[in-house]
Each structure stands twice: as C-alpha cells, then as structure tokens.
C-alpha cells in the first residue's frame, strides 16, 4: 500500500489517473476496522490506485484538504478531488462508492 506524506502527496495525486486515499490515524478505532477492507479493495480494483495518509504525521495536508473526521476517503481523478466520504462502512458499500467515483 502506498503511504503518502508531504514529500510525495502532490506528485502521486497528479500522476495517478484515479487514486483513492484513506486518511487515518493510529488511535482511531473505525480507521483500524476499515484498513483491511481498504487493503482488500486495493487488490480487487486494479483500475484505481490506493494510498493511505496518516493525518497525525501529515496535519498540514489533512488541514489543507479540510478533513474533519476520520477515516475519510478521498478520490482524486487527474489531480482533482471528485468524491469524499467519511466513516466506517461495509466493504460492499465502499466498493460501490469507489466504482461510481471512478466512472465519473
């Protein structure tokens, strides 16, 4: 899984046609619950690049993106945000949301 940080965030967002980013923190229970689901989807959905961003280690990026709760999932297409959703959800729901986002 690609780990984003201040050194690679902008480059990765711009170079990947579609990238789904999981904004999370170590202490966050729902983040821990969603992590294996996000990992599974990264192996199933080959047309989307998956990445994680630790908000505690990258507060400047989280603030710039306006992240108010975690986990937050942001989908970028050609460097621009096209969708975002927060909170825990079943794998099927997350997959459906990512499929819709990637087709827009």
PDB file of N, CA and C in Angstrom:
ATOM      1  N   UNK A   1       0.856  -1.180   0.000  1.00  0.00           N
ATOM      2  CA  UNK A   1       0.000   0.000   0.000  1.00  0.00           C
ATOM      3  C   UNK A   1       0.901   1.240   0.000  1.00  0.00           C
ATOM      4  N   UNK A   2       0.599   2.150  -0.871  1.00  0.00           N
ATOM      5  CA  UNK A   2       1.353   3.392  -0.977  1.00  0.00           C
ATOM      6  C   UNK A   2       1.061   4.283   0.231  1.00  0.00           C
ATOM      7  N   UNK A   3       2.115   4.722   0.910  1.00  0.00           N
ATOM      8  CA  UNK A   3       1.987   5.650   2.035  1.00  0.00           C
ATOM      9  C   UNK A   3       2.289   7.056   1.525  1.00  0.00           C
ATOM     10  N   UNK A   4       1.330   7.943   1.681  1.00  0.00           N
ATOM     11  CA  UNK A   4       1.525   9.321   1.251  1.00  0.00           C
ATOM     12  C   UNK A   4       2.047  10.166   2.405  1.00  0.00           C
ATOM     13  N   UNK A   5       2.816  11.197   2.058  1.00  0.00           N
ATOM     14  CA  UNK A   5       3.322  12.152   3.039  1.00  0.00           C
ATOM     15  C   UNK A   5       3.607  13.466   2.314  1.00  0.00           C
ATOM     16  N   UNK A   6       4.160  14.421   3.037  1.00  0.00           N
ATOM     17  CA  UNK A   6       4.394  15.744   2.435  1.00  0.00           C
ATOM     18  C   UNK A   6       5.372  15.689   1.264  1.00  0.00           C
ATOM     19  N   UNK A   7       6.215  14.663   1.223  1.00  0.00           N
ATOM     20  CA  UNK A   7       7.208  14.555   0.153  1.00  0.00           C
ATOM     21  C   UNK A   7       6.659  13.989  -1.149  1.00  0.00           C
ATOM     22  N   UNK A   8       5.575  13.204  -1.075  1.00  0.00           N
ATOM     23  CA  UNK A   8       5.088  12.560  -2.303  1.00  0.00           C
ATOM     24  C   UNK A   8       3.605  12.805  -2.594  1.00  0.00           C
ATOM     25  N   UNK A   9       2.879  13.475  -1.711  1.00  0.00           N
ATOM     26  CA  UNK A   9       1.434  13.622  -1.866  1.00  0.00           C
ATOM     27  C   UNK A   9       1.051  14.247  -3.211  1.00  0.00           C
ATOM     28  N   UNK A  10       1.548  15.461  -3.466  1.00  0.00           N
ATOM     29  CA  UNK A  10       1.161  16.173  -4.700  1.00  0.00           C
ATOM     30  C   UNK A  10       1.526  15.367  -5.947  1.00  0.00           C
ATOM     31  N   UNK A  11       2.720  14.817  -5.964  1.00  0.00           N
ATOM     32  CA  UNK A  11       3.184  14.050  -7.126  1.00  0.00           C
ATOM     33  C   UNK A  11       2.292  12.837  -7.391  1.00  0.00           C
ATOM     34  N   UNK A  12       1.981  12.081  -6.341  1.00  0.00           N
ATOM     35  CA  UNK A  12       1.164  10.874  -6.511  1.00  0.00           C
ATOM     36  C   UNK A  12      -0.264  11.216  -6.930  1.00  0.00           C
ATOM     37  N   UNK A  13      -0.823  12.272  -6.357  1.00  0.00           N
ATOM     38  CA  UNK A  13      -2.197  12.666  -6.701  1.00  0.00           C
ATOM     39  C   UNK A  13      -2.272  13.064  -8.176  1.00  0.00           C
ATOM     40  N   UNK A  14      -1.245  13.735  -8.660  1.00  0.00           N
ATOM     41  CA  UNK A  14      -1.246  14.204 -10.047  1.00  0.00           C
ATOM     42  C   UNK A  14      -0.886  13.121 -11.057  1.00  0.00           C
ATOM     43  N   UNK A  15       0.002  12.190 -10.667  1.00  0.00           N
ATOM     44  CA  UNK A  15       0.475  11.209 -11.659  1.00  0.00           C
ATOM     45  C   UNK A  15      -0.464  10.024 -11.835  1.00  0.00           C
ATOM     46  N   UNK A  16      -1.322   9.750 -10.869  1.00  0.00           N
ATOM     47  CA  UNK A  16      -2.250   8.632 -10.988  1.00  0.00           C
ATOM     48  C   UNK A  16      -3.587   9.130 -11.511  1.00  0.00           C
ATOM     49  N   UNK A  17      -4.088   8.472 -12.558  1.00  0.00           N
ATOM     50  CA  UNK A  17      -5.352   8.906 -13.146  1.00  0.00           C
ATOM     51  C   UNK A  17      -6.454   8.925 -12.086  1.00  0.00           C
ATOM     52  N   UNK A  18      -6.611   7.817 -11.353  1.00  0.00           N
ATOM     53  CA  UNK A  18      -7.582   7.750 -10.265  1.00  0.00           C
ATOM     54  C   UNK A  18      -6.875   7.169  -9.050  1.00  0.00           C
ATOM     55  N   UNK A  19      -6.969   7.894  -7.939  1.00  0.00           N
ATOM     56  CA  UNK A  19      -6.341   7.430  -6.701  1.00  0.00           C
ATOM     57  C   UNK A  19      -7.315   7.646  -5.543  1.00  0.00           C
ATOM     58  N   UNK A  20      -7.497   6.599  -4.754  1.00  0.00           N
ATOM     59  CA  UNK A  20      -8.347   6.659  -3.559  1.00  0.00           C
ATOM     60  C   UNK A  20      -7.420   6.732  -2.351  1.00  0.00           C
ATOM     61  N   UNK A  21      -7.630   7.743  -1.515  1.00  0.00           N
ATOM     62  CA  UNK A  21      -6.758   7.958  -0.366  1.00  0.00           C
ATOM     63  C   UNK A  21      -7.550   7.755   0.926  1.00  0.00           C
ATOM     64  N   UNK A  22      -7.008   6.914   1.785  1.00  0.00           N
ATOM     65  CA  UNK A  22      -7.569   6.655   3.112  1.00  0.00           C
ATOM     66  C   UNK A  22      -6.818   7.556   4.098  1.00  0.00           C
ATOM     67  N   UNK A  23      -7.514   8.540   4.662  1.00  0.00           N
ATOM     68  CA  UNK A  23      -6.918   9.414   5.678  1.00  0.00           C
ATOM     69  C   UNK A  23      -7.288   8.837   7.035  1.00  0.00           C
ATOM     70  N   UNK A  24      -6.274   8.487   7.821  1.00  0.00           N
ATOM     71  CA  UNK A  24      -6.473   7.687   9.023  1.00  0.00           C
ATOM     72  C   UNK A  24      -5.511   8.130  10.124  1.00  0.00           C
ATOM     73  N   UNK A  25      -5.692   7.534  11.319  1.00  0.00           N
ATOM     74  CA  UNK A  25      -4.770   7.736  12.438  1.00  0.00           C
ATOM     75  C   UNK A  25      -4.651   6.427  13.217  1.00  0.00           C
ATOM     76  N   UNK A  26      -3.506   6.251  13.840  1.00  0.00           N
ATOM     77  CA  UNK A  26      -3.196   5.030  14.588  1.00  0.00           C
ATOM     78  C   UNK A  26      -4.201   4.757  15.716  1.00  0.00           C
ATOM     79  N   UNK A  27      -4.650   5.799  16.399  1.00  0.00           N
ATOM     80  CA  UNK A  27      -5.516   5.683  17.577  1.00  0.00           C
ATOM     81  C   UNK A  27      -7.000   5.526  17.224  1.00  0.00           C
ATOM     82  N   UNK A  28      -7.338   5.599  15.960  1.00  0.00           N
ATOM     83  CA  UNK A  28      -8.738   5.640  15.507  1.00  0.00           C
ATOM     84  C   UNK A  28      -9.296   4.230  15.298  1.00  0.00           C
ATOM     85  N   UNK A  29     -10.262   3.834  16.125  1.00  0.00           N
ATOM     86  CA  UNK A  29     -10.885   2.510  16.022  1.00  0.00           C
ATOM     87  C   UNK A  29     -11.526   2.242  14.667  1.00  0.00           C
ATOM     88  N   UNK A  30     -12.398   3.148  14.183  1.00  0.00           N
ATOM     89  CA  UNK A  30     -13.001   2.926  12.866  1.00  0.00           C
ATOM     90  C   UNK A  30     -11.959   2.851  11.741  1.00  0.00           C
ATOM     91  N   UNK A  31     -10.858   3.595  11.890  1.00  0.00           N
ATOM     92  CA  UNK A  31      -9.784   3.532  10.887  1.00  0.00           C
ATOM     93  C   UNK A  31      -9.182   2.126  10.853  1.00  0.00           C
ATOM     94  N   UNK A  32      -8.957   1.571  12.033  1.00  0.00           N
ATOM     95  CA  UNK A  32      -8.389   0.223  12.127  1.00  0.00           C
ATOM     96  C   UNK A  32      -9.343  -0.804  11.530  1.00  0.00           C
ATOM     97  N   UNK A  33     -10.637  -0.600  11.725  1.00  0.00           N
ATOM     98  CA  UNK A  33     -11.633  -1.522  11.174  1.00  0.00           C
ATOM     99  C   UNK A  33     -11.684  -1.446   9.648  1.00  0.00           C
ATOM    100  N   UNK A  34     -11.491  -0.254   9.097  1.00  0.00           N
ATOM    101  CA  UNK A  34     -11.587  -0.064   7.647  1.00  0.00           C
ATOM    102  C   UNK A  34     -10.300  -0.443   6.913  1.00  0.00           C
ATOM    103  N   UNK A  35      -9.186  -0.453   7.602  1.00  0.00           N
ATOM    104  CA  UNK A  35      -7.895  -0.693   6.958  1.00  0.00           C
ATOM    105  C   UNK A  35      -7.836  -2.011   6.175  1.00  0.00           C
ATOM    106  N   UNK A  36      -8.244  -3.158   6.757  1.00  0.00           N
ATOM    107  CA  UNK A  36      -8.186  -4.398   5.962  1.00  0.00           C
ATOM    108  C   UNK A  36      -9.157  -4.392   4.778  1.00  0.00           C
ATOM    109  N   UNK A  37     -10.275  -3.701   4.911  1.00  0.00           N
ATOM    110  CA  UNK A  37     -11.240  -3.602   3.802  1.00  0.00           C
ATOM    111  C   UNK A  37     -10.621  -2.804   2.655  1.00  0.00           C
ATOM    112  N   UNK A  38     -10.000  -1.678   3.007  1.00  0.00           N
ATOM    113  CA  UNK A  38      -9.338  -0.832   2.003  1.00  0.00           C
ATOM    114  C   UNK A  38      -8.227  -1.626   1.308  1.00  0.00           C
ATOM    115  N   UNK A  39      -7.496  -2.401   2.088  1.00  0.00           N
ATOM    116  CA  UNK A  39      -6.407  -3.241   1.560  1.00  0.00           C
ATOM    117  C   UNK A  39      -6.961  -4.287   0.582  1.00  0.00           C
ATOM    118  N   UNK A  40      -8.054  -4.946   0.957  1.00  0.00           N
ATOM    119  CA  UNK A  40      -8.675  -5.950   0.073  1.00  0.00           C
ATOM    120  C   UNK A  40      -9.118  -5.316  -1.244  1.00  0.00           C
ATOM    121  N   UNK A  41      -9.748  -4.153  -1.152  1.00  0.00           N
ATOM    122  CA  UNK A  41     -10.230  -3.485  -2.360  1.00  0.00           C
ATOM    123  C   UNK A  41      -9.072  -3.075  -3.262  1.00  0.00           C
ATOM    124  N   UNK A  42      -7.933  -2.743  -2.663  1.00  0.00           N
ATOM    125  CA  UNK A  42      -6.768  -2.350  -3.466  1.00  0.00           C
ATOM    126  C   UNK A  42      -6.297  -3.510  -4.339  1.00  0.00           C
ATOM    127  N   UNK A  43      -6.543  -4.721  -3.887  1.00  0.00           N
ATOM    128  CA  UNK A  43      -6.147  -5.908  -4.661  1.00  0.00           C
ATOM    129  C   UNK A  43      -7.203  -6.287  -5.689  1.00  0.00           C
ATOM    130  N   UNK A  44      -8.446  -5.901  -5.439  1.00  0.00           N
ATOM    131  CA  UNK A  44      -9.551  -6.263  -6.332  1.00  0.00           C
ATOM    132  C   UNK A  44      -9.782  -5.236  -7.440  1.00  0.00           C
ATOM    133  N   UNK A  45      -9.576  -3.975  -7.143  1.00  0.00           N
ATOM    134  CA  UNK A  45      -9.920  -2.894  -8.076  1.00  0.00           C
ATOM    135  C   UNK A  45      -8.643  -2.350  -8.712  1.00  0.00           C
ATOM    136  N   UNK A  46      -8.210  -2.984  -9.765  1.00  0.00           N
ATOM    137  CA  UNK A  46      -6.911  -2.678 -10.376  1.00  0.00           C
ATOM    138  C   UNK A  46      -6.883  -1.344 -11.127  1.00  0.00           C
ATOM    139  N   UNK A  47      -8.043  -0.801 -11.476  1.00  0.00           N
ATOM    140  CA  UNK A  47      -8.067   0.456 -12.230  1.00  0.00           C
ATOM    141  C   UNK A  47      -7.953   1.686 -11.320  1.00  0.00           C
ATOM    142  N   UNK A  48      -7.890   1.471 -10.006  1.00  0.00           N
ATOM    143  CA  UNK A  48      -7.761   2.557  -9.042  1.00  0.00           C
ATOM    144  C   UNK A  48      -6.487   2.342  -8.231  1.00  0.00           C
ATOM    145  N   UNK A  49      -5.702   3.385  -8.062  1.00  0.00           N
ATOM    146  CA  UNK A  49      -4.528   3.333  -7.179  1.00  0.00           C
ATOM    147  C   UNK A  49      -5.032   3.615  -5.764  1.00  0.00           C
ATOM    148  N   UNK A  50      -4.559   2.869  -4.792  1.00  0.00           N
ATOM    149  CA  UNK A  50      -4.955   3.039  -3.397  1.00  0.00           C
ATOM    150  C   UNK A  50      -3.767   3.543  -2.588  1.00  0.00           C
ATOM    151  N   UNK A  51      -4.041   4.466  -1.676  1.00  0.00           N
ATOM    152  CA  UNK A  51      -2.976   5.021  -0.840  1.00  0.00           C
ATOM    153  C   UNK A  51      -3.532   5.391   0.527  1.00  0.00           C
ATOM    154  N   UNK A  52      -2.614   5.510   1.501  1.00  0.00           N
ATOM    155  CA  UNK A  52      -3.005   5.888   2.859  1.00  0.00           C
ATOM    156  C   UNK A  52      -2.220   7.128   3.267  1.00  0.00           C
ATOM    157  N   UNK A  53      -2.867   7.969   4.082  1.00  0.00           N
ATOM    158  CA  UNK A  53      -2.220   9.158   4.613  1.00  0.00           C
ATOM    159  C   UNK A  53      -2.516   9.240   6.102  1.00  0.00           C
ATOM    160  N   UNK A  54      -1.480   9.149   6.920  1.00  0.00           N
ATOM    161  CA  UNK A  54      -1.637   9.269   8.368  1.00  0.00           C
ATOM    162  C   UNK A  54      -1.820  10.750   8.704  1.00  0.00           C
ATOM    163  N   UNK A  55      -2.999  11.108   9.224  1.00  0.00           N
ATOM    164  CA  UNK A  55      -3.295  12.521   9.475  1.00  0.00           C
ATOM    165  C   UNK A  55      -2.473  13.092  10.630  1.00  0.00           C
ATOM    166  N   UNK A  56      -2.061  12.263  11.578  1.00  0.00           N
ATOM    167  CA  UNK A  56      -1.239  12.750  12.691  1.00  0.00           C
ATOM    168  C   UNK A  56       0.162  13.142  12.206  1.00  0.00           C
ATOM    169  N   UNK A  57       0.688  12.395  11.249  1.00  0.00           N
ATOM    170  CA  UNK A  57       2.014  12.681  10.712  1.00  0.00           C
ATOM    171  C   UNK A  57       1.987  13.743   9.614  1.00  0.00           C
ATOM    172  N   UNK A  58       0.800  14.042   9.096  1.00  0.00           N
ATOM    173  CA  UNK A  58       0.656  14.967   7.969  1.00  0.00           C
ATOM    174  C   UNK A  58      -0.490  15.946   8.209  1.00  0.00           C
ATOM    175  N   UNK A  59      -0.443  16.614   9.349  1.00  0.00           N
ATOM    176  CA  UNK A  59      -1.548  17.520   9.713  1.00  0.00           C
ATOM    177  C   UNK A  59      -1.733  18.646   8.701  1.00  0.00           C
ATOM    178  N   UNK A  60      -0.645  19.102   8.100  1.00  0.00           N
ATOM    179  CA  UNK A  60      -0.755  20.186   7.120  1.00  0.00           C
ATOM    180  C   UNK A  60      -1.588  19.768   5.909  1.00  0.00           C
ATOM    181  N   UNK A  61      -1.394  18.541   5.431  1.00  0.00           N
ATOM    182  CA  UNK A  61      -2.167  18.061   4.280  1.00  0.00           C
ATOM    183  C   UNK A  61      -3.626  17.849   4.679  1.00  0.00           C
ATOM    184  N   UNK A  62      -3.860  17.233   5.841  1.00  0.00           N
ATOM    185  CA  UNK A  62      -5.227  16.996   6.309  1.00  0.00           C
ATOM    186  C   UNK A  62      -5.976  18.313   6.467  1.00  0.00           C
ATOM    187  N   UNK A  63      -5.302  19.327   7.002  1.00  0.00           N
ATOM    188  CA  UNK A  63      -5.923  20.643   7.171  1.00  0.00           C
ATOM    189  C   UNK A  63      -6.240  21.266   5.821  1.00  0.00           C
ATOM    190  N   UNK A  64      -5.284  21.201   4.902  1.00  0.00           N
ATOM    191  CA  UNK A  64      -5.473  21.757   3.557  1.00  0.00           C
ATOM    192  C   UNK A  64      -6.670  21.106   2.857  1.00  0.00           C
ATOM    193  N   UNK A  65      -6.845  19.797   3.089  1.00  0.00           N
ATOM    194  CA  UNK A  65      -7.955  19.068   2.468  1.00  0.00           C
ATOM    195  C   UNK A  65      -9.279  19.266   3.218  1.00  0.00           C
ATOM    196  N   UNK A  66      -9.226  19.893   4.391  1.00  0.00           N
ATOM    197  CA  UNK A  66     -10.446  20.137   5.161  1.00  0.00           C
ATOM    198  C   UNK A  66     -11.013  18.888   5.813  1.00  0.00           C
ATOM    199  N   UNK A  67     -10.146  17.969   6.192  1.00  0.00           N
ATOM    200  CA  UNK A  67     -10.598  16.722   6.819  1.00  0.00           C
ATOM    201  C   UNK A  67     -10.991  17.004   8.266  1.00  0.00           C
ATOM    202  N   UNK A  68     -12.261  16.705   8.605  1.00  0.00           N
ATOM    203  CA  UNK A  68     -12.791  16.987   9.930  1.00  0.00           C
ATOM    204  C   UNK A  68     -13.000  15.726  10.756  1.00  0.00           C
ATOM    205  N   UNK A  69     -13.116  14.582  10.104  1.00  0.00           N
ATOM    206  CA  UNK A  69     -13.302  13.320  10.827  1.00  0.00           C
ATOM    207  C   UNK A  69     -12.567  12.219  10.063  1.00  0.00           C
ATOM    208  N   UNK A  70     -12.249  11.159  10.790  1.00  0.00           N
ATOM    209  CA  UNK A  70     -11.553  10.039  10.161  1.00  0.00           C
ATOM    210  C   UNK A  70     -12.229   8.733  10.552  1.00  0.00           C
ATOM    211  N   UNK A  71     -12.155   7.714   9.726  1.00  0.00           N
ATOM    212  CA  UNK A  71     -11.474   7.747   8.444  1.00  0.00           C
ATOM    213  C   UNK A  71     -12.253   8.560   7.409  1.00  0.00           C
ATOM    214  N   UNK A  72     -11.510   9.246   6.576  1.00  0.00           N
ATOM    215  CA  UNK A  72     -12.074   9.926   5.416  1.00  0.00           C
ATOM    216  C   UNK A  72     -11.413   9.335   4.189  1.00  0.00           C
ATOM    217  N   UNK A  73     -12.212   9.067   3.200  1.00  0.00           N
ATOM    218  CA  UNK A  73     -11.724   8.527   1.930  1.00  0.00           C
ATOM    219  C   UNK A  73     -11.955   9.594   0.865  1.00  0.00           C
ATOM    220  N   UNK A  74     -10.887   9.976   0.179  1.00  0.00           N
ATOM    221  CA  UNK A  74     -10.994  10.980  -0.875  1.00  0.00           C
ATOM    222  C   UNK A  74     -10.535  10.339  -2.179  1.00  0.00           C
ATOM    223  N   UNK A  75     -11.338  10.534  -3.219  1.00  0.00           N
ATOM    224  CA  UNK A  75     -10.994  10.019  -4.543  1.00  0.00           C
ATOM    225  C   UNK A  75     -10.573  11.203  -5.411  1.00  0.00           C
ATOM    226  N   UNK A  76      -9.391  11.079  -5.999  1.00  0.00           N
ATOM    227  CA  UNK A  76      -8.870  12.098  -6.899  1.00  0.00           C
ATOM    228  C   UNK A  76      -8.814  11.521  -8.304  1.00  0.00           C
ATOM    229  N   UNK A  77      -9.158  12.360  -9.273  1.00  0.00           N
ATOM    230  CA  UNK A  77      -9.071  11.959 -10.682  1.00  0.00           C
ATOM    231  C   UNK A  77      -8.282  13.042 -11.399  1.00  0.00           C
ATOM    232  N   UNK A  78      -7.196  12.638 -12.036  1.00  0.00           N
ATOM    233  CA  UNK A  78      -6.324  13.584 -12.734  1.00  0.00           C
ATOM    234  C   UNK A  78      -5.939  14.770 -11.849  1.00  0.00           C
ATOM    235  N   UNK A  79      -5.647  14.482 -10.570  1.00  0.00           N
ATOM    236  CA  UNK A  79      -5.173  15.510  -9.648  1.00  0.00           C
ATOM    237  C   UNK A  79      -6.242  16.325  -8.957  1.00  0.00           C
ATOM    238  N   UNK A  80      -7.508  16.094  -9.281  1.00  0.00           N
ATOM    239  CA  UNK A  80      -8.600  16.869  -8.687  1.00  0.00           C
ATOM    240  C   UNK A  80      -9.514  15.963  -7.851  1.00  0.00           C
ATOM    241  N   UNK A  81      -9.949  16.486  -6.710  1.00  0.00           N
ATOM    242  CA  UNK A  81     -10.867  15.727  -5.868  1.00  0.00           C
ATOM    243  C   UNK A  81     -12.215  15.593  -6.571  1.00  0.00           C
ATOM    244  N   UNK A  82     -12.712  14.355  -6.654  1.00  0.00           N
ATOM    245  CA  UNK A  82     -14.011  14.140  -7.287  1.00  0.00           C
ATOM    246  C   UNK A  82     -15.045  13.568  -6.322  1.00  0.00           C
ATOM    247  N   UNK A  83     -14.584  13.032  -5.186  1.00  0.00           N
ATOM    248  CA  UNK A  83     -15.537  12.482  -4.220  1.00  0.00           C
ATOM    249  C   UNK A  83     -14.844  12.333  -2.872  1.00  0.00           C
ATOM    250  N   UNK A  84     -15.660  12.347  -1.808  1.00  0.00           N
ATOM    251  CA  UNK A  84     -15.132  12.071  -0.471  1.00  0.00           C
ATOM    252  C   UNK A  84     -16.257  11.536   0.386  1.00  0.00           C
ATOM    253  N   UNK A  85     -15.902  10.668   1.316  1.00  0.00           N
ATOM    254  CA  UNK A  85     -16.863  10.127   2.265  1.00  0.00           C
ATOM    255  C   UNK A  85     -16.110   9.737   3.515  1.00  0.00           C
ATOM    256  N   UNK A  86     -16.796   9.810   4.633  1.00  0.00           N
ATOM    257  CA  UNK A  86     -16.159   9.553   5.927  1.00  0.00           C
ATOM    258  C   UNK A  86     -16.877   8.439   6.657  1.00  0.00           C
ATOM    259  N   UNK A  87     -16.150   7.846   7.591  1.00  0.00           N
ATOM    260  CA  UNK A  87     -16.738   6.866   8.488  1.00  0.00           C
ATOM    261  C   UNK A  87     -16.598   5.442   8.012  1.00  0.00           C
ATOM    262  N   UNK A  88     -16.946   4.567   8.919  1.00  0.00           N
ATOM    263  CA  UNK A  88     -16.905   3.129   8.701  1.00  0.00           C
ATOM    264  C   UNK A  88     -18.078   2.709   7.829  1.00  0.00           C
ATOM    265  N   UNK A  89     -17.842   1.763   6.957  1.00  0.00           N
ATOM    266  CA  UNK A  89     -18.917   1.240   6.108  1.00  0.00           C
ATOM    267  C   UNK A  89     -18.572  -0.166   5.662  1.00  0.00           C
ATOM    268  N   UNK A  90     -19.563  -0.954   5.287  1.00  0.00           N
ATOM    269  CA  UNK A  90     -19.279  -2.313   4.814  1.00  0.00           C
ATOM    270  C   UNK A  90     -18.459  -2.283   3.519  1.00  0.00           C
ATOM    271  N   UNK A  91     -17.725  -3.349   3.285  1.00  0.00           N
ATOM    272  CA  UNK A  91     -16.883  -3.448   2.091  1.00  0.00           C
ATOM    273  C   UNK A  91     -17.690  -3.216   0.821  1.00  0.00           C
ATOM    274  N   UNK A  92     -18.870  -3.818   0.737  1.00  0.00           N
ATOM    275  CA  UNK A  92     -19.686  -3.695  -0.477  1.00  0.00           C
ATOM    276  C   UNK A  92     -20.062  -2.243  -0.752  1.00  0.00           C
ATOM    277  N   UNK A  93     -20.348  -1.492   0.300  1.00  0.00           N
ATOM    278  CA  UNK A  93     -20.730  -0.086   0.137  1.00  0.00           C
ATOM    279  C   UNK A  93     -19.529   0.755  -0.292  1.00  0.00           C
ATOM    280  N   UNK A  94     -18.372   0.519   0.330  1.00  0.00           N
ATOM    281  CA  UNK A  94     -17.173   1.261  -0.050  1.00  0.00           C
ATOM    282  C   UNK A  94     -16.799   0.958  -1.496  1.00  0.00           C
ATOM    283  N   UNK A  95     -16.868  -0.306  -1.871  1.00  0.00           N
ATOM    284  CA  UNK A  95     -16.539  -0.698  -3.242  1.00  0.00           C
ATOM    285  C   UNK A  95     -17.485  -0.025  -4.235  1.00  0.00           C
ATOM    286  N   UNK A  96     -18.773  -0.017  -3.937  1.00  0.00           N
ATOM    287  CA  UNK A  96     -19.761   0.601  -4.827  1.00  0.00           C
ATOM    288  C   UNK A  96     -19.478   2.094  -4.983  1.00  0.00           C
ATOM    289  N   UNK A  97     -19.166   2.775  -3.879  1.00  0.00           N
ATOM    290  CA  UNK A  97     -18.876   4.203  -3.934  1.00  0.00           C
ATOM    291  C   UNK A  97     -17.632   4.470  -4.789  1.00  0.00           C
ATOM    292  N   UNK A  98     -16.606   3.643  -4.610  1.00  0.00           N
ATOM    293  CA  UNK A  98     -15.385   3.822  -5.396  1.00  0.00           C
ATOM    294  C   UNK A  98     -15.633   3.541  -6.880  1.00  0.00           C
ATOM    295  N   UNK A  99     -16.463   2.559  -7.175  1.00  0.00           N
ATOM    296  CA  UNK A  99     -16.777   2.244  -8.573  1.00  0.00           C
ATOM    297  C   UNK A  99     -17.498   3.415  -9.233  1.00  0.00           C
ATOM    298  N   UNK A 100     -18.455   4.002  -8.541  1.00  0.00           N
ATOM    299  CA  UNK A 100     -19.198   5.145  -9.078  1.00  0.00           C
ATOM    300  C   UNK A 100     -18.255   6.322  -9.290  1.00  0.00           C
ATOM    301  N   UNK A 101     -17.420   6.604  -8.292  1.00  0.00           N
ATOM    302  CA  UNK A 101     -16.484   7.720  -8.381  1.00  0.00           C
ATOM    303  C   UNK A 101     -15.532   7.560  -9.553  1.00  0.00           C
ATOM    304  N   UNK A 102     -15.026   6.365  -9.751  1.00  0.00           N
ATOM    305  CA  UNK A 102     -14.009   6.146 -10.776  1.00  0.00           C
ATOM    306  C   UNK A 102     -14.587   6.237 -12.180  1.00  0.00           C
ATOM    307  N   UNK A 103     -15.885   6.084 -12.323  1.00  0.00           N
ATOM    308  CA  UNK A 103     -16.519   6.135 -13.639  1.00  0.00           C
ATOM    309  C   UNK A 103     -16.951   7.541 -14.026  1.00  0.00           C
ATOM    310  N   UNK A 104     -16.983   8.447 -13.077  1.00  0.00           N
ATOM    311  CA  UNK A 104     -17.413   9.843 -13.358  1.00  0.00           C
ATOM    312  C   UNK A 104     -16.329  10.623 -14.067  1.00  0.00           C
TER     313      UNK A 104
END
